[in-house]
């Protein structure tokens, strides 16, 4: 995914949008660039650690028979995060239904 920080800053300015505490125009562009840089660096460090972790675990434990590749670790983490999001959505929906149900009972009584 590619973001052009300057066009986002210009679009915000055209649509009368703003970022609280940041002036429109060039300061918004600099702010968005710094935020995207921080996010990219953090993501790159995380992926680098995940990619190298299986090699270190294999070297420390000495277990050669169980080979877990970096790709497998990324897939497992992705599936775990997706499962957590789906569970959270189900819990929110269940609580929302309970909220609606309690309102309808109050109005009927």
PDB file of N, CA and C in Angstrom:
ATOM      1  N   UNK A   1       0.849  -1.157   0.000  1.00  0.00           N
ATOM      2  CA  UNK A   1       0.000   0.000   0.000  1.00  0.00           C
ATOM      3  C   UNK A   1       0.903   1.229   0.000  1.00  0.00           C
ATOM      4  N   UNK A   2       0.598   2.194  -0.826  1.00  0.00           N
ATOM      5  CA  UNK A   2       1.426   3.382  -0.941  1.00  0.00           C
ATOM      6  C   UNK A   2       0.593   4.606  -0.573  1.00  0.00           C
ATOM      7  N   UNK A   3       1.167   5.426   0.292  1.00  0.00           N
ATOM      8  CA  UNK A   3       0.536   6.684   0.672  1.00  0.00           C
ATOM      9  C   UNK A   3       1.393   7.827   0.163  1.00  0.00           C
ATOM     10  N   UNK A   4       0.764   8.820  -0.403  1.00  0.00           N
ATOM     11  CA  UNK A   4       1.469  10.041  -0.762  1.00  0.00           C
ATOM     12  C   UNK A   4       1.072  11.085   0.262  1.00  0.00           C
ATOM     13  N   UNK A   5       1.998  11.374   1.175  1.00  0.00           N
ATOM     14  CA  UNK A   5       1.675  12.250   2.300  1.00  0.00           C
ATOM     15  C   UNK A   5       1.232  13.630   1.833  1.00  0.00           C
ATOM     16  N   UNK A   6       1.849  14.155   0.777  1.00  0.00           N
ATOM     17  CA  UNK A   6       1.485  15.491   0.310  1.00  0.00           C
ATOM     18  C   UNK A   6       0.046  15.525  -0.190  1.00  0.00           C
ATOM     19  N   UNK A   7      -0.379  14.507  -0.930  1.00  0.00           N
ATOM     20  CA  UNK A   7      -1.753  14.515  -1.432  1.00  0.00           C
ATOM     21  C   UNK A   7      -2.755  14.331  -0.296  1.00  0.00           C
ATOM     22  N   UNK A   8      -2.411  13.576   0.724  1.00  0.00           N
ATOM     23  CA  UNK A   8      -3.310  13.430   1.875  1.00  0.00           C
ATOM     24  C   UNK A   8      -3.450  14.770   2.578  1.00  0.00           C
ATOM     25  N   UNK A   9      -2.333  15.481   2.759  1.00  0.00           N
ATOM     26  CA  UNK A   9      -2.391  16.799   3.398  1.00  0.00           C
ATOM     27  C   UNK A   9      -3.224  17.764   2.562  1.00  0.00           C
ATOM     28  N   UNK A  10      -3.055  17.729   1.248  1.00  0.00           N
ATOM     29  CA  UNK A  10      -3.842  18.607   0.385  1.00  0.00           C
ATOM     30  C   UNK A  10      -5.323  18.247   0.425  1.00  0.00           C
ATOM     31  N   UNK A  11      -5.641  16.952   0.424  1.00  0.00           N
ATOM     32  CA  UNK A  11      -7.049  16.523   0.489  1.00  0.00           C
ATOM     33  C   UNK A  11      -7.685  16.958   1.806  1.00  0.00           C
ATOM     34  N   UNK A  12      -6.958  16.829   2.890  1.00  0.00           N
ATOM     35  CA  UNK A  12      -7.493  17.279   4.178  1.00  0.00           C
ATOM     36  C   UNK A  12      -7.793  18.773   4.135  1.00  0.00           C
ATOM     37  N   UNK A  13      -6.867  19.530   3.557  1.00  0.00           N
ATOM     38  CA  UNK A  13      -7.051  20.972   3.495  1.00  0.00           C
ATOM     39  C   UNK A  13      -8.244  21.336   2.601  1.00  0.00           C
ATOM     40  N   UNK A  14      -8.412  20.670   1.466  1.00  0.00           N
ATOM     41  CA  UNK A  14      -9.522  20.947   0.561  1.00  0.00           C
ATOM     42  C   UNK A  14     -10.874  20.607   1.185  1.00  0.00           C
ATOM     43  N   UNK A  15     -10.899  19.550   1.989  1.00  0.00           N
ATOM     44  CA  UNK A  15     -12.160  19.106   2.584  1.00  0.00           C
ATOM     45  C   UNK A  15     -12.382  19.708   3.966  1.00  0.00           C
ATOM     46  N   UNK A  16     -11.600  20.732   4.280  1.00  0.00           N
ATOM     47  CA  UNK A  16     -11.691  21.416   5.576  1.00  0.00           C
ATOM     48  C   UNK A  16     -11.456  20.477   6.749  1.00  0.00           C
ATOM     49  N   UNK A  17     -10.643  19.443   6.538  1.00  0.00           N
ATOM     50  CA  UNK A  17     -10.263  18.550   7.616  1.00  0.00           C
ATOM     51  C   UNK A  17      -8.952  19.011   8.219  1.00  0.00           C
ATOM     52  N   UNK A  18      -8.662  18.513   9.406  1.00  0.00           N
ATOM     53  CA  UNK A  18      -7.414  18.901  10.050  1.00  0.00           C
ATOM     54  C   UNK A  18      -7.018  17.836  11.064  1.00  0.00           C
ATOM     55  N   UNK A  19      -5.776  17.908  11.479  1.00  0.00           N
ATOM     56  CA  UNK A  19      -5.266  17.069  12.554  1.00  0.00           C
ATOM     57  C   UNK A  19      -5.087  18.001  13.745  1.00  0.00           C
ATOM     58  N   UNK A  20      -5.735  17.717  14.869  1.00  0.00           N
ATOM     59  CA  UNK A  20      -5.650  18.631  16.015  1.00  0.00           C
ATOM     60  C   UNK A  20      -4.198  18.891  16.426  1.00  0.00           C
ATOM     61  N   UNK A  21      -3.873  20.158  16.543  1.00  0.00           N
ATOM     62  CA  UNK A  21      -2.537  20.562  16.970  1.00  0.00           C
ATOM     63  C   UNK A  21      -1.538  20.700  15.836  1.00  0.00           C
ATOM     64  N   UNK A  22      -1.931  20.378  14.605  1.00  0.00           N
ATOM     65  CA  UNK A  22      -1.034  20.466  13.450  1.00  0.00           C
ATOM     66  C   UNK A  22      -1.630  21.464  12.467  1.00  0.00           C
ATOM     67  N   UNK A  23      -0.805  22.411  12.014  1.00  0.00           N
ATOM     68  CA  UNK A  23      -1.283  23.408  11.046  1.00  0.00           C
ATOM     69  C   UNK A  23      -1.490  22.761   9.684  1.00  0.00           C
ATOM     70  N   UNK A  24      -2.437  23.244   8.893  1.00  0.00           N
ATOM     71  CA  UNK A  24      -2.671  22.689   7.554  1.00  0.00           C
ATOM     72  C   UNK A  24      -1.496  22.981   6.609  1.00  0.00           C
ATOM     73  N   UNK A  25      -1.396  22.166   5.573  1.00  0.00           N
ATOM     74  CA  UNK A  25      -0.370  22.386   4.551  1.00  0.00           C
ATOM     75  C   UNK A  25       0.896  21.601   4.821  1.00  0.00           C
ATOM     76  N   UNK A  26       2.028  22.283   4.724  1.00  0.00           N
ATOM     77  CA  UNK A  26       3.343  21.643   4.860  1.00  0.00           C
ATOM     78  C   UNK A  26       3.552  20.974   6.235  1.00  0.00           C
ATOM     79  N   UNK A  27       3.146  21.604   7.357  1.00  0.00           N
ATOM     80  CA  UNK A  27       3.309  20.917   8.648  1.00  0.00           C
ATOM     81  C   UNK A  27       2.527  19.593   8.723  1.00  0.00           C
ATOM     82  N   UNK A  28       1.350  19.563   8.095  1.00  0.00           N
ATOM     83  CA  UNK A  28       0.583  18.316   8.067  1.00  0.00           C
ATOM     84  C   UNK A  28       1.330  17.261   7.275  1.00  0.00           C
ATOM     85  N   UNK A  29       1.920  17.660   6.164  1.00  0.00           N
ATOM     86  CA  UNK A  29       2.717  16.739   5.344  1.00  0.00           C
ATOM     87  C   UNK A  29       3.880  16.176   6.155  1.00  0.00           C
ATOM     88  N   UNK A  30       4.595  17.033   6.873  1.00  0.00           N
ATOM     89  CA  UNK A  30       5.730  16.568   7.691  1.00  0.00           C
ATOM     90  C   UNK A  30       5.262  15.644   8.805  1.00  0.00           C
ATOM     91  N   UNK A  31       4.144  15.979   9.427  1.00  0.00           N
ATOM     92  CA  UNK A  31       3.619  15.140  10.509  1.00  0.00           C
ATOM     93  C   UNK A  31       3.243  13.750   9.989  1.00  0.00           C
ATOM     94  N   UNK A  32       2.502  13.705   8.869  1.00  0.00           N
ATOM     95  CA  UNK A  32       2.100  12.417   8.297  1.00  0.00           C
ATOM     96  C   UNK A  32       3.322  11.599   7.873  1.00  0.00           C
ATOM     97  N   UNK A  33       4.331  12.258   7.317  1.00  0.00           N
ATOM     98  CA  UNK A  33       5.560  11.554   6.924  1.00  0.00           C
ATOM     99  C   UNK A  33       6.253  10.953   8.138  1.00  0.00           C
ATOM    100  N   UNK A  34       6.309  11.698   9.234  1.00  0.00           N
ATOM    101  CA  UNK A  34       6.979  11.168  10.434  1.00  0.00           C
ATOM    102  C   UNK A  34       6.187  10.007  11.041  1.00  0.00           C
ATOM    103  N   UNK A  35       4.854  10.108  11.041  1.00  0.00           N
ATOM    104  CA  UNK A  35       4.036   9.017  11.585  1.00  0.00           C
ATOM    105  C   UNK A  35       4.196   7.754  10.739  1.00  0.00           C
ATOM    106  N   UNK A  36       4.137   7.905   9.423  1.00  0.00           N
ATOM    107  CA  UNK A  36       4.288   6.742   8.548  1.00  0.00           C
ATOM    108  C   UNK A  36       5.686   6.132   8.664  1.00  0.00           C
ATOM    109  N   UNK A  37       6.702   6.965   8.851  1.00  0.00           N
ATOM    110  CA  UNK A  37       8.061   6.449   9.034  1.00  0.00           C
ATOM    111  C   UNK A  37       8.147   5.628  10.316  1.00  0.00           C
ATOM    112  N   UNK A  38       7.581   6.145  11.399  1.00  0.00           N
ATOM    113  CA  UNK A  38       7.611   5.394  12.663  1.00  0.00           C
ATOM    114  C   UNK A  38       6.872   4.066  12.546  1.00  0.00           C
ATOM    115  N   UNK A  39       5.710   4.077  11.902  1.00  0.00           N
ATOM    116  CA  UNK A  39       4.945   2.841  11.739  1.00  0.00           C
ATOM    117  C   UNK A  39       5.712   1.841  10.884  1.00  0.00           C
ATOM    118  N   UNK A  40       6.334   2.331   9.813  1.00  0.00           N
ATOM    119  CA  UNK A  40       7.089   1.448   8.916  1.00  0.00           C
ATOM    120  C   UNK A  40       8.289   0.848   9.624  1.00  0.00           C
ATOM    121  N   UNK A  41       9.013   1.652  10.388  1.00  0.00           N
ATOM    122  CA  UNK A  41      10.189   1.148  11.112  1.00  0.00           C
ATOM    123  C   UNK A  41       9.772   0.101  12.140  1.00  0.00           C
ATOM    124  N   UNK A  42       8.704   0.370  12.878  1.00  0.00           N
ATOM    125  CA  UNK A  42       8.244  -0.596  13.884  1.00  0.00           C
ATOM    126  C   UNK A  42       7.823  -1.906  13.221  1.00  0.00           C
ATOM    127  N   UNK A  43       7.086  -1.818  12.117  1.00  0.00           N
ATOM    128  CA  UNK A  43       6.666  -3.024  11.403  1.00  0.00           C
ATOM    129  C   UNK A  43       7.840  -3.790  10.831  1.00  0.00           C
ATOM    130  N   UNK A  44       8.819  -3.071  10.293  1.00  0.00           N
ATOM    131  CA  UNK A  44       9.999  -3.730   9.727  1.00  0.00           C
ATOM    132  C   UNK A  44      10.810  -4.435  10.811  1.00  0.00           C
ATOM    133  N   UNK A  45      10.956  -3.794  11.963  1.00  0.00           N
ATOM    134  CA  UNK A  45      11.675  -4.439  13.074  1.00  0.00           C
ATOM    135  C   UNK A  45      10.944  -5.701  13.540  1.00  0.00           C
ATOM    136  N   UNK A  46       9.630  -5.616  13.647  1.00  0.00           N
ATOM    137  CA  UNK A  46       8.857  -6.780  14.060  1.00  0.00           C
ATOM    138  C   UNK A  46       9.015  -7.922  13.070  1.00  0.00           C
ATOM    139  N   UNK A  47       8.883  -7.628  11.782  1.00  0.00           N
ATOM    140  CA  UNK A  47       9.030  -8.679  10.768  1.00  0.00           C
ATOM    141  C   UNK A  47      10.449  -9.239  10.750  1.00  0.00           C
ATOM    142  N   UNK A  48      11.434  -8.386  10.970  1.00  0.00           N
ATOM    143  CA  UNK A  48      12.817  -8.863  11.040  1.00  0.00           C
ATOM    144  C   UNK A  48      13.030  -9.813  12.210  1.00  0.00           C
ATOM    145  N   UNK A  49      12.471  -9.475  13.352  1.00  0.00           N
ATOM    146  CA  UNK A  49      12.597 -10.350  14.536  1.00  0.00           C
ATOM    147  C   UNK A  49      11.880 -11.669  14.289  1.00  0.00           C
ATOM    148  N   UNK A  50      10.686 -11.605  13.722  1.00  0.00           N
ATOM    149  CA  UNK A  50       9.938 -12.837  13.447  1.00  0.00           C
ATOM    150  C   UNK A  50      10.679 -13.702  12.434  1.00  0.00           C
ATOM    151  N   UNK A  51      11.338 -13.073  11.461  1.00  0.00           N
ATOM    152  CA  UNK A  51      12.051 -13.834  10.436  1.00  0.00           C
ATOM    153  C   UNK A  51      13.290 -14.529  10.992  1.00  0.00           C
ATOM    154  N   UNK A  52      13.962 -13.911  11.957  1.00  0.00           N
ATOM    155  CA  UNK A  52      15.215 -14.456  12.484  1.00  0.00           C
ATOM    156  C   UNK A  52      14.980 -15.345  13.706  1.00  0.00           C
ATOM    157  N   UNK A  53      13.857 -15.191  14.374  1.00  0.00           N
ATOM    158  CA  UNK A  53      13.572 -15.920  15.607  1.00  0.00           C
ATOM    159  C   UNK A  53      13.687 -17.444  15.479  1.00  0.00           C
ATOM    160  N   UNK A  54      13.153 -18.073  14.449  1.00  0.00           N
ATOM    161  CA  UNK A  54      13.277 -19.533  14.365  1.00  0.00           C
ATOM    162  C   UNK A  54      14.730 -20.014  14.316  1.00  0.00           C
ATOM    163  N   UNK A  55      15.609 -19.262  13.691  1.00  0.00           N
ATOM    164  CA  UNK A  55      17.017 -19.660  13.634  1.00  0.00           C
ATOM    165  C   UNK A  55      17.659 -19.588  15.012  1.00  0.00           C
ATOM    166  N   UNK A  56      17.340 -18.545  15.775  1.00  0.00           N
ATOM    167  CA  UNK A  56      17.889 -18.427  17.124  1.00  0.00           C
ATOM    168  C   UNK A  56      17.328 -19.503  18.044  1.00  0.00           C
ATOM    169  N   UNK A  57      16.049 -19.788  17.925  1.00  0.00           N
ATOM    170  CA  UNK A  57      15.434 -20.828  18.765  1.00  0.00           C
ATOM    171  C   UNK A  57      16.059 -22.179  18.453  1.00  0.00           C
ATOM    172  N   UNK A  58      16.292 -22.459  17.193  1.00  0.00           N
ATOM    173  CA  UNK A  58      16.910 -23.720  16.795  1.00  0.00           C
ATOM    174  C   UNK A  58      18.347 -23.811  17.321  1.00  0.00           C
ATOM    175  N   UNK A  59      19.081 -22.703  17.289  1.00  0.00           N
ATOM    176  CA  UNK A  59      20.460 -22.699  17.775  1.00  0.00           C
ATOM    177  C   UNK A  59      20.521 -22.844  19.293  1.00  0.00           C
ATOM    178  N   UNK A  60      19.597 -22.211  20.000  1.00  0.00           N
ATOM    179  CA  UNK A  60      19.610 -22.260  21.463  1.00  0.00           C
ATOM    180  C   UNK A  60      19.139 -23.614  21.973  1.00  0.00           C
ATOM    181  N   UNK A  61      18.071 -24.150  21.413  1.00  0.00           N
ATOM    182  CA  UNK A  61      17.517 -25.404  21.917  1.00  0.00           C
ATOM    183  C   UNK A  61      18.244 -26.616  21.361  1.00  0.00           C
ATOM    184  N   UNK A  62      18.832 -26.503  20.209  1.00  0.00           N
ATOM    185  CA  UNK A  62      19.523 -27.636  19.613  1.00  0.00           C
ATOM    186  C   UNK A  62      18.592 -28.652  18.979  1.00  0.00           C
ATOM    187  N   UNK A  63      17.314 -28.341  18.901  1.00  0.00           N
ATOM    188  CA  UNK A  63      16.347 -29.254  18.297  1.00  0.00           C
ATOM    189  C   UNK A  63      16.350 -29.006  16.790  1.00  0.00           C
ATOM    190  N   UNK A  64      16.794 -29.993  16.046  1.00  0.00           N
ATOM    191  CA  UNK A  64      16.875 -29.867  14.597  1.00  0.00           C
ATOM    192  C   UNK A  64      15.698 -30.543  13.890  1.00  0.00           C
ATOM    193  N   UNK A  65      14.995 -31.425  14.592  1.00  0.00           N
ATOM    194  CA  UNK A  65      13.928 -32.181  13.945  1.00  0.00           C
ATOM    195  C   UNK A  65      12.678 -31.330  13.701  1.00  0.00           C
ATOM    196  N   UNK A  66      12.414 -30.359  14.557  1.00  0.00           N
ATOM    197  CA  UNK A  66      11.245 -29.497  14.405  1.00  0.00           C
ATOM    198  C   UNK A  66      11.683 -28.202  13.740  1.00  0.00           C
ATOM    199  N   UNK A  67      11.430 -28.104  12.476  1.00  0.00           N
ATOM    200  CA  UNK A  67      11.816 -26.915  11.735  1.00  0.00           C
ATOM    201  C   UNK A  67      10.581 -26.066  11.486  1.00  0.00           C
ATOM    202  N   UNK A  68      10.576 -24.882  12.056  1.00  0.00           N
ATOM    203  CA  UNK A  68       9.482 -23.940  11.852  1.00  0.00           C
ATOM    204  C   UNK A  68      10.057 -22.769  11.070  1.00  0.00           C
ATOM    205  N   UNK A  69       9.531 -22.565   9.907  1.00  0.00           N
ATOM    206  CA  UNK A  69      10.051 -21.481   9.076  1.00  0.00           C
ATOM    207  C   UNK A  69       9.463 -20.151   9.508  1.00  0.00           C
ATOM    208  N   UNK A  70      10.090 -19.095   9.066  1.00  0.00           N
ATOM    209  CA  UNK A  70       9.601 -17.747   9.370  1.00  0.00           C
ATOM    210  C   UNK A  70       8.235 -17.512   8.754  1.00  0.00           C
ATOM    211  N   UNK A  71       8.028 -18.074   7.579  1.00  0.00           N
ATOM    212  CA  UNK A  71       6.734 -17.924   6.921  1.00  0.00           C
ATOM    213  C   UNK A  71       5.635 -18.574   7.746  1.00  0.00           C
ATOM    214  N   UNK A  72       5.918 -19.737   8.307  1.00  0.00           N
ATOM    215  CA  UNK A  72       4.924 -20.423   9.139  1.00  0.00           C
ATOM    216  C   UNK A  72       4.592 -19.599  10.375  1.00  0.00           C
ATOM    217  N   UNK A  73       5.598 -18.965  10.971  1.00  0.00           N
ATOM    218  CA  UNK A  73       5.357 -18.130  12.145  1.00  0.00           C
ATOM    219  C   UNK A  73       4.473 -16.938  11.769  1.00  0.00           C
ATOM    220  N   UNK A  74       4.754 -16.319  10.627  1.00  0.00           N
ATOM    221  CA  UNK A  74       3.930 -15.190  10.183  1.00  0.00           C
ATOM    222  C   UNK A  74       2.488 -15.619   9.923  1.00  0.00           C
ATOM    223  N   UNK A  75       2.312 -16.790   9.329  1.00  0.00           N
ATOM    224  CA  UNK A  75       0.962 -17.288   9.068  1.00  0.00           C
ATOM    225  C   UNK A  75       0.231 -17.544  10.375  1.00  0.00           C
ATOM    226  N   UNK A  76       0.900 -18.172  11.333  1.00  0.00           N
ATOM    227  CA  UNK A  76       0.275 -18.454  12.634  1.00  0.00           C
ATOM    228  C   UNK A  76      -0.107 -17.161  13.331  1.00  0.00           C
ATOM    229  N   UNK A  77       0.785 -16.169  13.317  1.00  0.00           N
ATOM    230  CA  UNK A  77       0.479 -14.883  13.959  1.00  0.00           C
ATOM    231  C   UNK A  77      -0.696 -14.211  13.254  1.00  0.00           C
ATOM    232  N   UNK A  78      -0.723 -14.241  11.923  1.00  0.00           N
ATOM    233  CA  UNK A  78      -1.826 -13.641  11.178  1.00  0.00           C
ATOM    234  C   UNK A  78      -3.157 -14.299  11.479  1.00  0.00           C
ATOM    235  N   UNK A  79      -3.157 -15.624  11.529  1.00  0.00           N
ATOM    236  CA  UNK A  79      -4.393 -16.359  11.833  1.00  0.00           C
ATOM    237  C   UNK A  79      -4.845 -16.073  13.263  1.00  0.00           C
ATOM    238  N   UNK A  80      -3.896 -16.009  14.196  1.00  0.00           N
ATOM    239  CA  UNK A  80      -4.246 -15.721  15.591  1.00  0.00           C
ATOM    240  C   UNK A  80      -4.852 -14.321  15.714  1.00  0.00           C
ATOM    241  N   UNK A  81      -4.265 -13.333  15.044  1.00  0.00           N
ATOM    242  CA  UNK A  81      -4.811 -11.977  15.103  1.00  0.00           C
ATOM    243  C   UNK A  81      -6.197 -11.898  14.476  1.00  0.00           C
ATOM    244  N   UNK A  82      -6.386 -12.582  13.356  1.00  0.00           N
ATOM    245  CA  UNK A  82      -7.696 -12.589  12.700  1.00  0.00           C
ATOM    246  C   UNK A  82      -8.739 -13.265  13.579  1.00  0.00           C
ATOM    247  N   UNK A  83      -8.360 -14.357  14.220  1.00  0.00           N
ATOM    248  CA  UNK A  83      -9.285 -15.053  15.124  1.00  0.00           C
ATOM    249  C   UNK A  83      -9.664 -14.161  16.293  1.00  0.00           C
ATOM    250  N   UNK A  84      -8.689 -13.430  16.838  1.00  0.00           N
ATOM    251  CA  UNK A  84      -8.982 -12.522  17.948  1.00  0.00           C
ATOM    252  C   UNK A  84      -9.939 -11.417  17.515  1.00  0.00           C
ATOM    253  N   UNK A  85      -9.757 -10.873  16.311  1.00  0.00           N
ATOM    254  CA  UNK A  85     -10.660  -9.839  15.811  1.00  0.00           C
ATOM    255  C   UNK A  85     -12.076 -10.380  15.635  1.00  0.00           C
ATOM    256  N   UNK A  86     -12.195 -11.598  15.106  1.00  0.00           N
ATOM    257  CA  UNK A  86     -13.518 -12.183  14.911  1.00  0.00           C
ATOM    258  C   UNK A  86     -14.203 -12.449  16.243  1.00  0.00           C
ATOM    259  N   UNK A  87     -13.442 -12.940  17.231  1.00  0.00           N
ATOM    260  CA  UNK A  87     -14.025 -13.170  18.553  1.00  0.00           C
ATOM    261  C   UNK A  87     -14.472 -11.863  19.190  1.00  0.00           C
ATOM    262  N   UNK A  88     -13.669 -10.823  19.045  1.00  0.00           N
ATOM    263  CA  UNK A  88     -14.041  -9.532  19.603  1.00  0.00           C
ATOM    264  C   UNK A  88     -15.305  -8.998  18.933  1.00  0.00           C
ATOM    265  N   UNK A  89     -15.401  -9.165  17.626  1.00  0.00           N
ATOM    266  CA  UNK A  89     -16.598  -8.713  16.910  1.00  0.00           C
ATOM    267  C   UNK A  89     -17.830  -9.482  17.385  1.00  0.00           C
ATOM    268  N   UNK A  90     -17.694 -10.782  17.604  1.00  0.00           N
ATOM    269  CA  UNK A  90     -18.820 -11.570  18.096  1.00  0.00           C
ATOM    270  C   UNK A  90     -19.233 -11.133  19.497  1.00  0.00           C
ATOM    271  N   UNK A  91     -18.257 -10.855  20.356  1.00  0.00           N
ATOM    272  CA  UNK A  91     -18.574 -10.406  21.710  1.00  0.00           C
ATOM    273  C   UNK A  91     -19.267  -9.045  21.692  1.00  0.00           C
ATOM    274  N   UNK A  92     -18.798  -8.146  20.841  1.00  0.00           N
ATOM    275  CA  UNK A  92     -19.431  -6.832  20.741  1.00  0.00           C
ATOM    276  C   UNK A  92     -20.859  -6.987  20.234  1.00  0.00           C
ATOM    277  N   UNK A  93     -21.051  -7.843  19.225  1.00  0.00           N
ATOM    278  CA  UNK A  93     -22.388  -8.044  18.681  1.00  0.00           C
ATOM    279  C   UNK A  93     -23.306  -8.673  19.732  1.00  0.00           C
ATOM    280  N   UNK A  94     -22.803  -9.598  20.513  1.00  0.00           N
ATOM    281  CA  UNK A  94     -23.619 -10.235  21.553  1.00  0.00           C
ATOM    282  C   UNK A  94     -24.023  -9.211  22.611  1.00  0.00           C
ATOM    283  N   UNK A  95     -23.098  -8.359  23.039  1.00  0.00           N
ATOM    284  CA  UNK A  95     -23.427  -7.327  24.022  1.00  0.00           C
ATOM    285  C   UNK A  95     -24.402  -6.317  23.439  1.00  0.00           C
ATOM    286  N   UNK A  96     -24.265  -6.004  22.162  1.00  0.00           N
ATOM    287  CA  UNK A  96     -25.160  -5.059  21.520  1.00  0.00           C
ATOM    288  C   UNK A  96     -26.577  -5.617  21.464  1.00  0.00           C
ATOM    289  N   UNK A  97     -26.717  -6.889  21.158  1.00  0.00           N
ATOM    290  CA  UNK A  97     -28.042  -7.516  21.148  1.00  0.00           C
ATOM    291  C   UNK A  97     -28.652  -7.479  22.540  1.00  0.00           C
ATOM    292  N   UNK A  98     -27.834  -7.742  23.555  1.00  0.00           N
ATOM    293  CA  UNK A  98     -28.340  -7.680  24.924  1.00  0.00           C
ATOM    294  C   UNK A  98     -28.819  -6.287  25.275  1.00  0.00           C
ATOM    295  N   UNK A  99     -28.103  -5.291  24.784  1.00  0.00           N
ATOM    296  CA  UNK A  99     -28.495  -3.908  25.028  1.00  0.00           C
ATOM    297  C   UNK A  99     -29.822  -3.603  24.366  1.00  0.00           C
ATOM    298  N   UNK A 100     -30.011  -4.062  23.146  1.00  0.00           N
ATOM    299  CA  UNK A 100     -31.274  -3.840  22.436  1.00  0.00           C
ATOM    300  C   UNK A 100     -32.392  -4.600  23.141  1.00  0.00           C
ATOM    301  N   UNK A 101     -32.117  -5.813  23.543  1.00  0.00           N
ATOM    302  CA  UNK A 101     -33.135  -6.612  24.215  1.00  0.00           C
ATOM    303  C   UNK A 101     -33.581  -5.992  25.525  1.00  0.00           C
ATOM    304  N   UNK A 102     -32.656  -5.411  26.286  1.00  0.00           N
ATOM    305  CA  UNK A 102     -33.025  -4.802  27.562  1.00  0.00           C
ATOM    306  C   UNK A 102     -33.834  -3.528  27.329  1.00  0.00           C
ATOM    307  N   UNK A 103     -33.597  -2.807  26.245  1.00  0.00           N
ATOM    308  CA  UNK A 103     -34.380  -1.601  25.954  1.00  0.00           C
ATOM    309  C   UNK A 103     -35.811  -1.961  25.590  1.00  0.00           C
ATOM    310  N   UNK A 104     -35.963  -3.009  24.779  1.00  0.00           N
ATOM    311  CA  UNK A 104     -37.325  -3.355  24.358  1.00  0.00           C
ATOM    312  C   UNK A 104     -38.137  -3.874  25.541  1.00  0.00           C
ATOM    313  N   UNK A 105     -37.505  -4.555  26.474  1.00  0.00           N
ATOM    314  CA  UNK A 105     -38.225  -5.042  27.657  1.00  0.00           C
ATOM    315  C   UNK A 105     -38.671  -3.882  28.539  1.00  0.00           C
ATOM    316  N   UNK A 106     -37.847  -2.855  28.651  1.00  0.00           N
ATOM    317  CA  UNK A 106     -38.208  -1.717  29.492  1.00  0.00           C
ATOM    318  C   UNK A 106     -39.393  -0.958  28.901  1.00  0.00           C
ATOM    319  N   UNK A 107     -39.442  -0.852  27.588  1.00  0.00           N
ATOM    320  CA  UNK A 107     -40.514  -0.106  26.969  1.00  0.00           C
ATOM    321  C   UNK A 107     -41.848  -0.862  27.060  1.00  0.00           C
ATOM    322  N   UNK A 108     -41.804  -2.160  27.028  1.00  0.00           N
ATOM    323  CA  UNK A 108     -43.025  -2.959  27.074  1.00  0.00           C
ATOM    324  C   UNK A 108     -43.636  -2.927  28.458  1.00  0.00           C
ATOM    325  N   UNK A 109     -42.816  -2.969  29.507  1.00  0.00           N
ATOM    326  CA  UNK A 109     -43.333  -3.049  30.876  1.00  0.00           C
ATOM    327  C   UNK A 109     -44.055  -1.829  31.304  1.00  0.00           C
TER     328      UNK A 109
END
